[in-house]
Amino acid sequence: MPKETKQRRGKQVAAAPYDKNAKAPVKGGKKAVPAQPAKKANKGPSPALFEKRPKNFGIGQDIQPKRDLTRFVRWPKYIRMQRQKRVLLHRLKVPPTINQFTRTLDKNLAKNLFAFVDKYRPETKAEKADRLKKRAAEIAALKKGEQPPAVATPYFVKYGLNHVTSLVESKKAKLVVIAHDVDPIELVVWLPSLCKKVGVPYCIVKSKSRLGQVVHKKTSAVLAITNVRKEDQPALATLTKAIQENYNDRYDDLRRQWGGLQLGRKSVHKQKAKAKAAAANQ
């Protein structure tokens, strides 16, 4: 007879709920490692190369961006004066005798004029000293009774307000060039009328500093051409003809044209806003 086995009675444990997604335990006592997601392929450079570095514009931090500091600058007095004068000349009613100085020679004609005038620049002090030394040496080398050789008259541009005025009155000037920005304007405001009366061609150009460069000075109010070399006479005739058509022949029209009365930017915007509002109300 086989021996009867005794059943051990112990504490009974309830069965665990069934989970169909649960994986079976791996033999050997090791836990299952969860599957890692597949790595995505890198598209473009690593983001670490392009880190955000926001700027801090606080006091003592990053450099401030460039701004228009015109309204924050304390300009020198002469700059403030010339800007205020320019504004007044645009706003106020300007009489024709002063307004004619805004009608300057056009760019191409002015370029030809200055190219011609530069050929007749007066000699500098050093050049004059060298010429006088050579002349003195020639005279010293002469024998008794011999006369020094004649010197060809030099052709130079004439300058100086009184000198040019006398040349215009005596009708020796063939062309007069006046600067547009002479200060005070009363020095030359009468000169166009004199040139028109005498029949001398005149023109108004920019500016007194450019005229001063011709005669080796800082500024010059007027220049006058009296005599030119024979080969330059056709060029002078062409210039004087074009200038006479622009100024001498139009003198009666220019002396009737008033200037100024131009509104500022703010006033123009206000007028446009009023006109727009009036159109909307209709």
Protein backbone atom coordinates (compact mmCIF):
# COMPACT_ATOMS: atom_id res chain seq x y z
CA MET A 1 0.00 0.00 0.00
CA PRO A 2 1.50 3.34 -0.94
CA LYS A 3 1.96 5.80 1.80
CA GLU A 4 -0.53 8.60 1.93
CA THR A 5 1.10 12.04 1.55
CA LYS A 6 -0.09 14.66 3.87
CA GLN A 7 -1.12 17.93 2.28
CA ARG A 8 0.33 21.00 3.89
CA ARG A 9 -2.19 23.56 4.73
CA GLY A 10 -1.01 27.14 4.56
CA LYS A 11 -2.22 30.59 3.85
CA GLN A 12 -3.89 30.74 0.47
CA VAL A 13 -3.01 33.74 -1.85
CA ALA A 14 -5.48 35.09 -4.38
CA ALA A 15 -4.47 34.79 -8.00
CA ALA A 16 -3.14 37.95 -9.69
CA PRO A 17 -5.41 39.56 -12.28
CA TYR A 18 -4.65 38.58 -15.87
CA ASP A 19 -2.86 41.22 -17.99
CA LYS A 20 -2.56 40.31 -21.62
CA ASN A 21 0.09 43.05 -22.24
CA ALA A 22 2.37 41.79 -19.46
CA LYS A 23 5.53 40.01 -20.60
CA ALA A 24 6.62 36.67 -19.20
CA PRO A 25 9.50 36.85 -16.74
CA VAL A 26 12.91 35.98 -18.19
CA LYS A 27 14.58 32.93 -16.75
CA GLY A 28 17.63 33.64 -14.63
CA GLY A 29 16.01 36.29 -12.46
CA LYS A 30 16.84 39.33 -14.74
CA LYS A 31 14.19 41.94 -15.40
CA ALA A 32 13.16 42.78 -18.93
CA VAL A 33 14.67 46.01 -20.33
CA PRO A 34 12.11 48.30 -22.02
CA ALA A 35 12.71 48.83 -25.72
CA GLN A 36 14.31 52.23 -26.54
CA PRO A 37 12.71 54.39 -29.20
CA ALA A 38 14.54 54.59 -32.50
CA LYS A 39 16.84 57.64 -32.82
CA LYS A 40 15.79 60.20 -35.36
CA ALA A 41 18.31 61.17 -38.01
CA ASN A 42 19.92 64.59 -37.35
CA LYS A 43 18.68 67.15 -39.78
CA GLY A 44 21.04 70.14 -40.00
CA PRO A 45 23.60 71.25 -37.43
CA SER A 46 23.33 70.55 -33.76
CA PRO A 47 21.18 73.07 -31.87
CA ALA A 48 24.04 73.58 -29.43
CA LEU A 49 25.90 75.58 -32.09
CA PHE A 50 23.12 78.17 -32.25
CA GLU A 51 22.28 79.03 -28.72
CA LYS A 52 20.05 82.00 -28.04
CA ARG A 53 21.97 84.86 -26.53
CA PRO A 54 19.44 87.65 -25.96
CA LYS A 55 21.06 91.04 -25.46
CA ASN A 56 20.55 93.06 -22.32
CA PHE A 57 20.50 96.78 -23.02
CA GLY A 58 20.51 97.75 -19.35
CA ILE A 59 23.03 100.17 -17.85
CA GLY A 60 26.53 98.74 -18.08
CA GLN A 61 25.40 95.77 -20.18
CA ASP A 62 25.46 95.25 -23.95
CA ILE A 63 26.30 98.07 -26.36
CA GLN A 64 23.27 100.13 -27.33
CA PRO A 65 22.13 100.00 -30.99
CA LYS A 66 22.96 102.98 -33.20
CA ARG A 67 20.30 105.69 -33.18
CA ASP A 68 19.78 109.06 -34.82
CA LEU A 69 21.06 111.41 -32.10
CA THR A 70 20.42 114.63 -34.05
CA ARG A 71 17.93 115.95 -31.51
CA PHE A 72 20.19 115.09 -28.57
CA VAL A 73 23.31 116.89 -29.87
CA ARG A 74 24.16 120.39 -28.71
CA TRP A 75 25.28 121.87 -32.00
CA PRO A 76 27.66 124.85 -32.21
CA LYS A 77 26.08 128.27 -32.40
CA TYR A 78 27.02 128.95 -36.01
CA ILE A 79 25.29 125.72 -37.11
CA ARG A 80 22.13 126.61 -35.17
CA MET A 81 22.14 130.10 -36.69
CA GLN A 82 22.49 128.91 -40.28
CA ARG A 83 19.74 126.30 -39.79
CA GLN A 84 17.38 128.86 -38.28
CA LYS A 85 18.16 131.26 -41.11
CA ARG A 86 17.39 128.56 -43.67
CA VAL A 87 14.04 127.83 -41.99
CA LEU A 88 13.13 131.54 -41.96
CA LEU A 89 14.02 131.92 -45.64
CA HIS A 90 11.66 129.03 -46.43
CA ARG A 91 8.78 130.30 -44.27
CA LEU A 92 8.84 134.09 -44.78
CA LYS A 93 8.02 135.95 -47.95
CA VAL A 94 11.35 136.66 -49.70
CA PRO A 95 11.60 139.63 -52.11
CA PRO A 96 12.72 138.93 -55.70
CA THR A 97 16.08 140.74 -55.36
CA ILE A 98 17.12 138.25 -52.67
CA ASN A 99 15.25 135.27 -54.09
CA GLN A 100 17.21 135.49 -57.37
CA PHE A 101 20.28 134.15 -55.54
CA THR A 102 18.53 130.79 -55.15
CA ARG A 103 18.52 130.40 -58.97
CA THR A 104 22.03 129.03 -59.30
CA LEU A 105 23.72 127.74 -62.42
CA ASP A 106 22.86 124.15 -63.34
CA LYS A 107 25.36 121.41 -62.57
CA ASN A 108 26.74 120.69 -66.05
CA LEU A 109 27.17 124.35 -66.98
CA ALA A 110 28.80 125.11 -63.61
CA LYS A 111 31.23 122.23 -64.14
CA ASN A 112 32.27 123.63 -67.53
CA LEU A 113 32.56 127.13 -66.06
CA PHE A 114 34.88 126.10 -63.22
CA ALA A 115 36.98 123.95 -65.57
CA PHE A 116 37.45 127.06 -67.73
CA VAL A 117 38.12 129.41 -64.81
CA ASP A 118 40.70 127.06 -63.28
CA LYS A 119 42.90 127.62 -66.34
CA TYR A 120 43.23 131.28 -65.33
CA ARG A 121 43.96 130.94 -61.63
CA PRO A 122 46.19 133.77 -60.34
CA GLU A 123 49.73 132.90 -59.35
CA THR A 124 50.57 132.09 -55.74
CA LYS A 125 53.03 134.11 -53.62
CA ALA A 126 55.80 131.58 -54.25
CA GLU A 127 55.23 131.65 -58.02
CA LYS A 128 55.23 135.45 -58.02
CA ALA A 129 58.49 135.56 -56.03
CA ASP A 130 60.17 133.16 -58.50
CA ARG A 131 58.96 135.22 -61.47
CA LEU A 132 60.28 138.46 -59.97
CA LYS A 133 63.66 136.86 -59.17
CA LYS A 134 64.04 135.64 -62.74
CA ARG A 135 63.05 139.05 -64.06
CA ALA A 136 65.56 140.77 -61.76
CA ALA A 137 68.31 138.36 -62.89
CA GLU A 138 67.52 139.14 -66.55
CA ILE A 139 67.71 142.88 -65.91
CA ALA A 140 70.97 142.52 -63.93
CA ALA A 141 72.58 140.58 -66.81
CA LEU A 142 71.91 143.39 -69.30
CA LYS A 143 74.71 145.63 -70.47
CA LYS A 144 74.60 149.37 -70.30
CA GLY A 145 72.17 150.90 -72.77
CA GLU A 146 70.26 147.67 -73.36
CA GLN A 147 66.57 147.58 -72.61
CA PRO A 148 64.95 144.58 -70.86
CA PRO A 149 62.81 142.34 -73.10
CA ALA A 150 59.06 142.93 -73.11
CA VAL A 151 57.01 140.70 -70.85
CA ALA A 152 53.80 139.10 -72.10
CA THR A 153 50.78 140.24 -70.13
CA PRO A 154 49.52 137.40 -67.90
CA TYR A 155 45.90 136.29 -68.15
CA PHE A 156 44.37 135.91 -64.70
CA VAL A 157 40.91 135.88 -63.19
CA LYS A 158 40.13 139.13 -61.35
CA TYR A 159 38.63 139.06 -57.86
CA GLY A 160 37.72 141.50 -55.10
CA LEU A 161 34.36 143.25 -54.95
CA ASN A 162 35.61 146.79 -55.54
CA HIS A 163 37.96 145.69 -58.31
CA VAL A 164 35.26 143.70 -60.12
CA THR A 165 32.78 146.58 -59.75
CA SER A 166 35.18 148.99 -61.44
CA LEU A 167 35.78 146.45 -64.24
CA VAL A 168 32.01 146.10 -64.79
CA GLU A 169 31.46 149.86 -64.81
CA SER A 170 34.25 150.33 -67.35
CA LYS A 171 32.88 147.40 -69.43
CA LYS A 172 36.19 145.54 -69.28
CA ALA A 173 34.68 142.43 -67.69
CA LYS A 174 33.52 139.79 -70.17
CA LEU A 175 31.91 137.52 -67.58
CA VAL A 176 31.04 137.99 -63.89
CA VAL A 177 30.58 135.06 -61.49
CA ILE A 178 28.72 135.78 -58.21
CA ALA A 179 28.50 133.48 -55.16
CA HIS A 180 25.00 132.61 -53.93
CA ASP A 181 25.81 132.60 -50.19
CA VAL A 182 27.52 135.94 -49.57
CA ASP A 183 26.84 137.17 -46.04
CA PRO A 184 25.60 139.88 -45.68
CA ILE A 185 23.76 139.63 -48.98
CA GLU A 186 23.68 143.44 -49.27
CA LEU A 187 27.29 143.33 -50.51
CA VAL A 188 26.31 141.83 -53.87
CA VAL A 189 22.52 142.23 -54.07
CA TRP A 190 22.88 145.16 -56.50
CA LEU A 191 25.49 143.54 -58.76
CA PRO A 192 23.08 141.65 -61.08
CA SER A 193 21.22 144.91 -61.80
CA LEU A 194 24.50 146.66 -62.62
CA CYS A 195 25.58 143.84 -64.95
CA LYS A 196 22.20 143.90 -66.69
CA LYS A 197 22.33 147.67 -67.15
CA VAL A 198 25.88 147.69 -68.51
CA GLY A 199 25.34 144.57 -70.63
CA VAL A 200 27.91 142.30 -68.98
CA PRO A 201 26.99 138.58 -68.74
CA TYR A 202 26.68 137.40 -65.14
CA CYS A 203 25.80 134.17 -63.35
CA ILE A 204 25.19 132.98 -59.77
CA VAL A 205 26.96 129.81 -58.62
CA LYS A 206 27.55 127.73 -55.50
CA SER A 207 29.45 128.78 -53.47
CA LYS A 208 31.84 131.46 -52.13
CA SER A 209 34.23 128.77 -50.87
CA ARG A 210 34.44 127.26 -54.37
CA LEU A 211 35.22 130.68 -55.83
CA GLY A 212 37.84 131.13 -53.11
CA GLN A 213 39.61 127.95 -54.24
CA VAL A 214 40.13 129.48 -57.67
CA VAL A 215 41.98 132.52 -56.29
CA HIS A 216 43.83 130.74 -53.41
CA LYS A 217 41.59 132.25 -50.72
CA LYS A 218 39.14 130.85 -48.17
CA THR A 219 36.19 132.61 -49.80
CA SER A 220 35.51 135.00 -52.63
CA ALA A 221 32.28 136.88 -53.34
CA VAL A 222 32.81 137.57 -57.06
CA LEU A 223 35.13 136.75 -59.95
CA ALA A 224 35.51 138.45 -63.30
CA ILE A 225 37.06 137.29 -66.57
CA THR A 226 38.57 140.09 -68.63
CA ASN A 227 41.00 138.70 -71.23
CA VAL A 228 41.62 135.12 -72.33
CA ARG A 229 44.11 133.42 -74.61
CA LYS A 230 43.30 133.15 -78.29
CA GLU A 231 42.70 129.39 -78.21
CA ASP A 232 40.14 129.77 -75.37
CA GLN A 233 38.00 132.45 -77.00
CA PRO A 234 35.51 130.00 -78.63
CA ALA A 235 34.96 128.24 -75.28
CA LEU A 236 34.37 131.60 -73.58
CA ALA A 237 31.89 132.61 -76.29
CA THR A 238 29.93 129.37 -75.78
CA LEU A 239 29.85 129.87 -72.01
CA THR A 240 28.77 133.51 -72.16
CA LYS A 241 26.00 132.70 -74.64
CA ALA A 242 24.53 129.97 -72.40
CA ILE A 243 24.86 132.12 -69.28
CA GLN A 244 23.32 135.17 -70.93
CA GLU A 245 20.26 133.14 -71.94
CA ASN A 246 19.80 131.92 -68.35
CA TYR A 247 20.36 135.22 -66.52
CA ASN A 248 20.62 138.42 -68.55
CA ASP A 249 17.75 137.57 -70.90
CA ARG A 250 15.54 136.33 -68.03
CA TYR A 251 16.30 139.24 -65.70
CA ASP A 252 12.80 140.77 -65.99
CA ASP A 253 11.18 137.43 -65.11
CA LEU A 254 13.52 136.73 -62.18
CA ARG A 255 12.92 140.13 -60.60
CA ARG A 256 9.18 139.40 -60.38
CA GLN A 257 9.44 135.99 -58.69
CA TRP A 258 8.92 136.07 -54.93
CA GLY A 259 10.29 133.32 -52.73
CA GLY A 260 9.56 131.63 -49.42
CA LEU A 261 6.08 130.83 -48.05
CA GLN A 262 6.88 127.10 -47.86
CA LEU A 263 5.18 125.17 -45.09
CA GLY A 264 7.06 122.84 -42.78
CA ARG A 265 6.58 119.08 -42.58
CA LYS A 266 4.25 119.23 -39.56
CA SER A 267 2.05 121.91 -41.13
CA VAL A 268 1.77 119.92 -44.36
CA HIS A 269 0.66 116.84 -42.39
CA LYS A 270 -1.91 118.91 -40.47
CA GLN A 271 -3.33 120.32 -43.70
CA LYS A 272 -3.61 116.84 -45.21
CA ALA A 273 -5.35 115.56 -42.07
CA LYS A 274 -7.84 118.47 -42.14
CA ALA A 275 -8.56 117.92 -45.82
CA LYS A 276 -9.06 114.19 -45.22
CA ALA A 277 -11.44 114.85 -42.32
CA ALA A 278 -13.40 117.39 -44.36
CA ALA A 279 -13.71 114.92 -47.24
CA ALA A 280 -14.92 112.20 -44.85
CA ASN A 281 -17.64 114.47 -43.40
CA GLN A 282 -19.10 115.32 -46.78
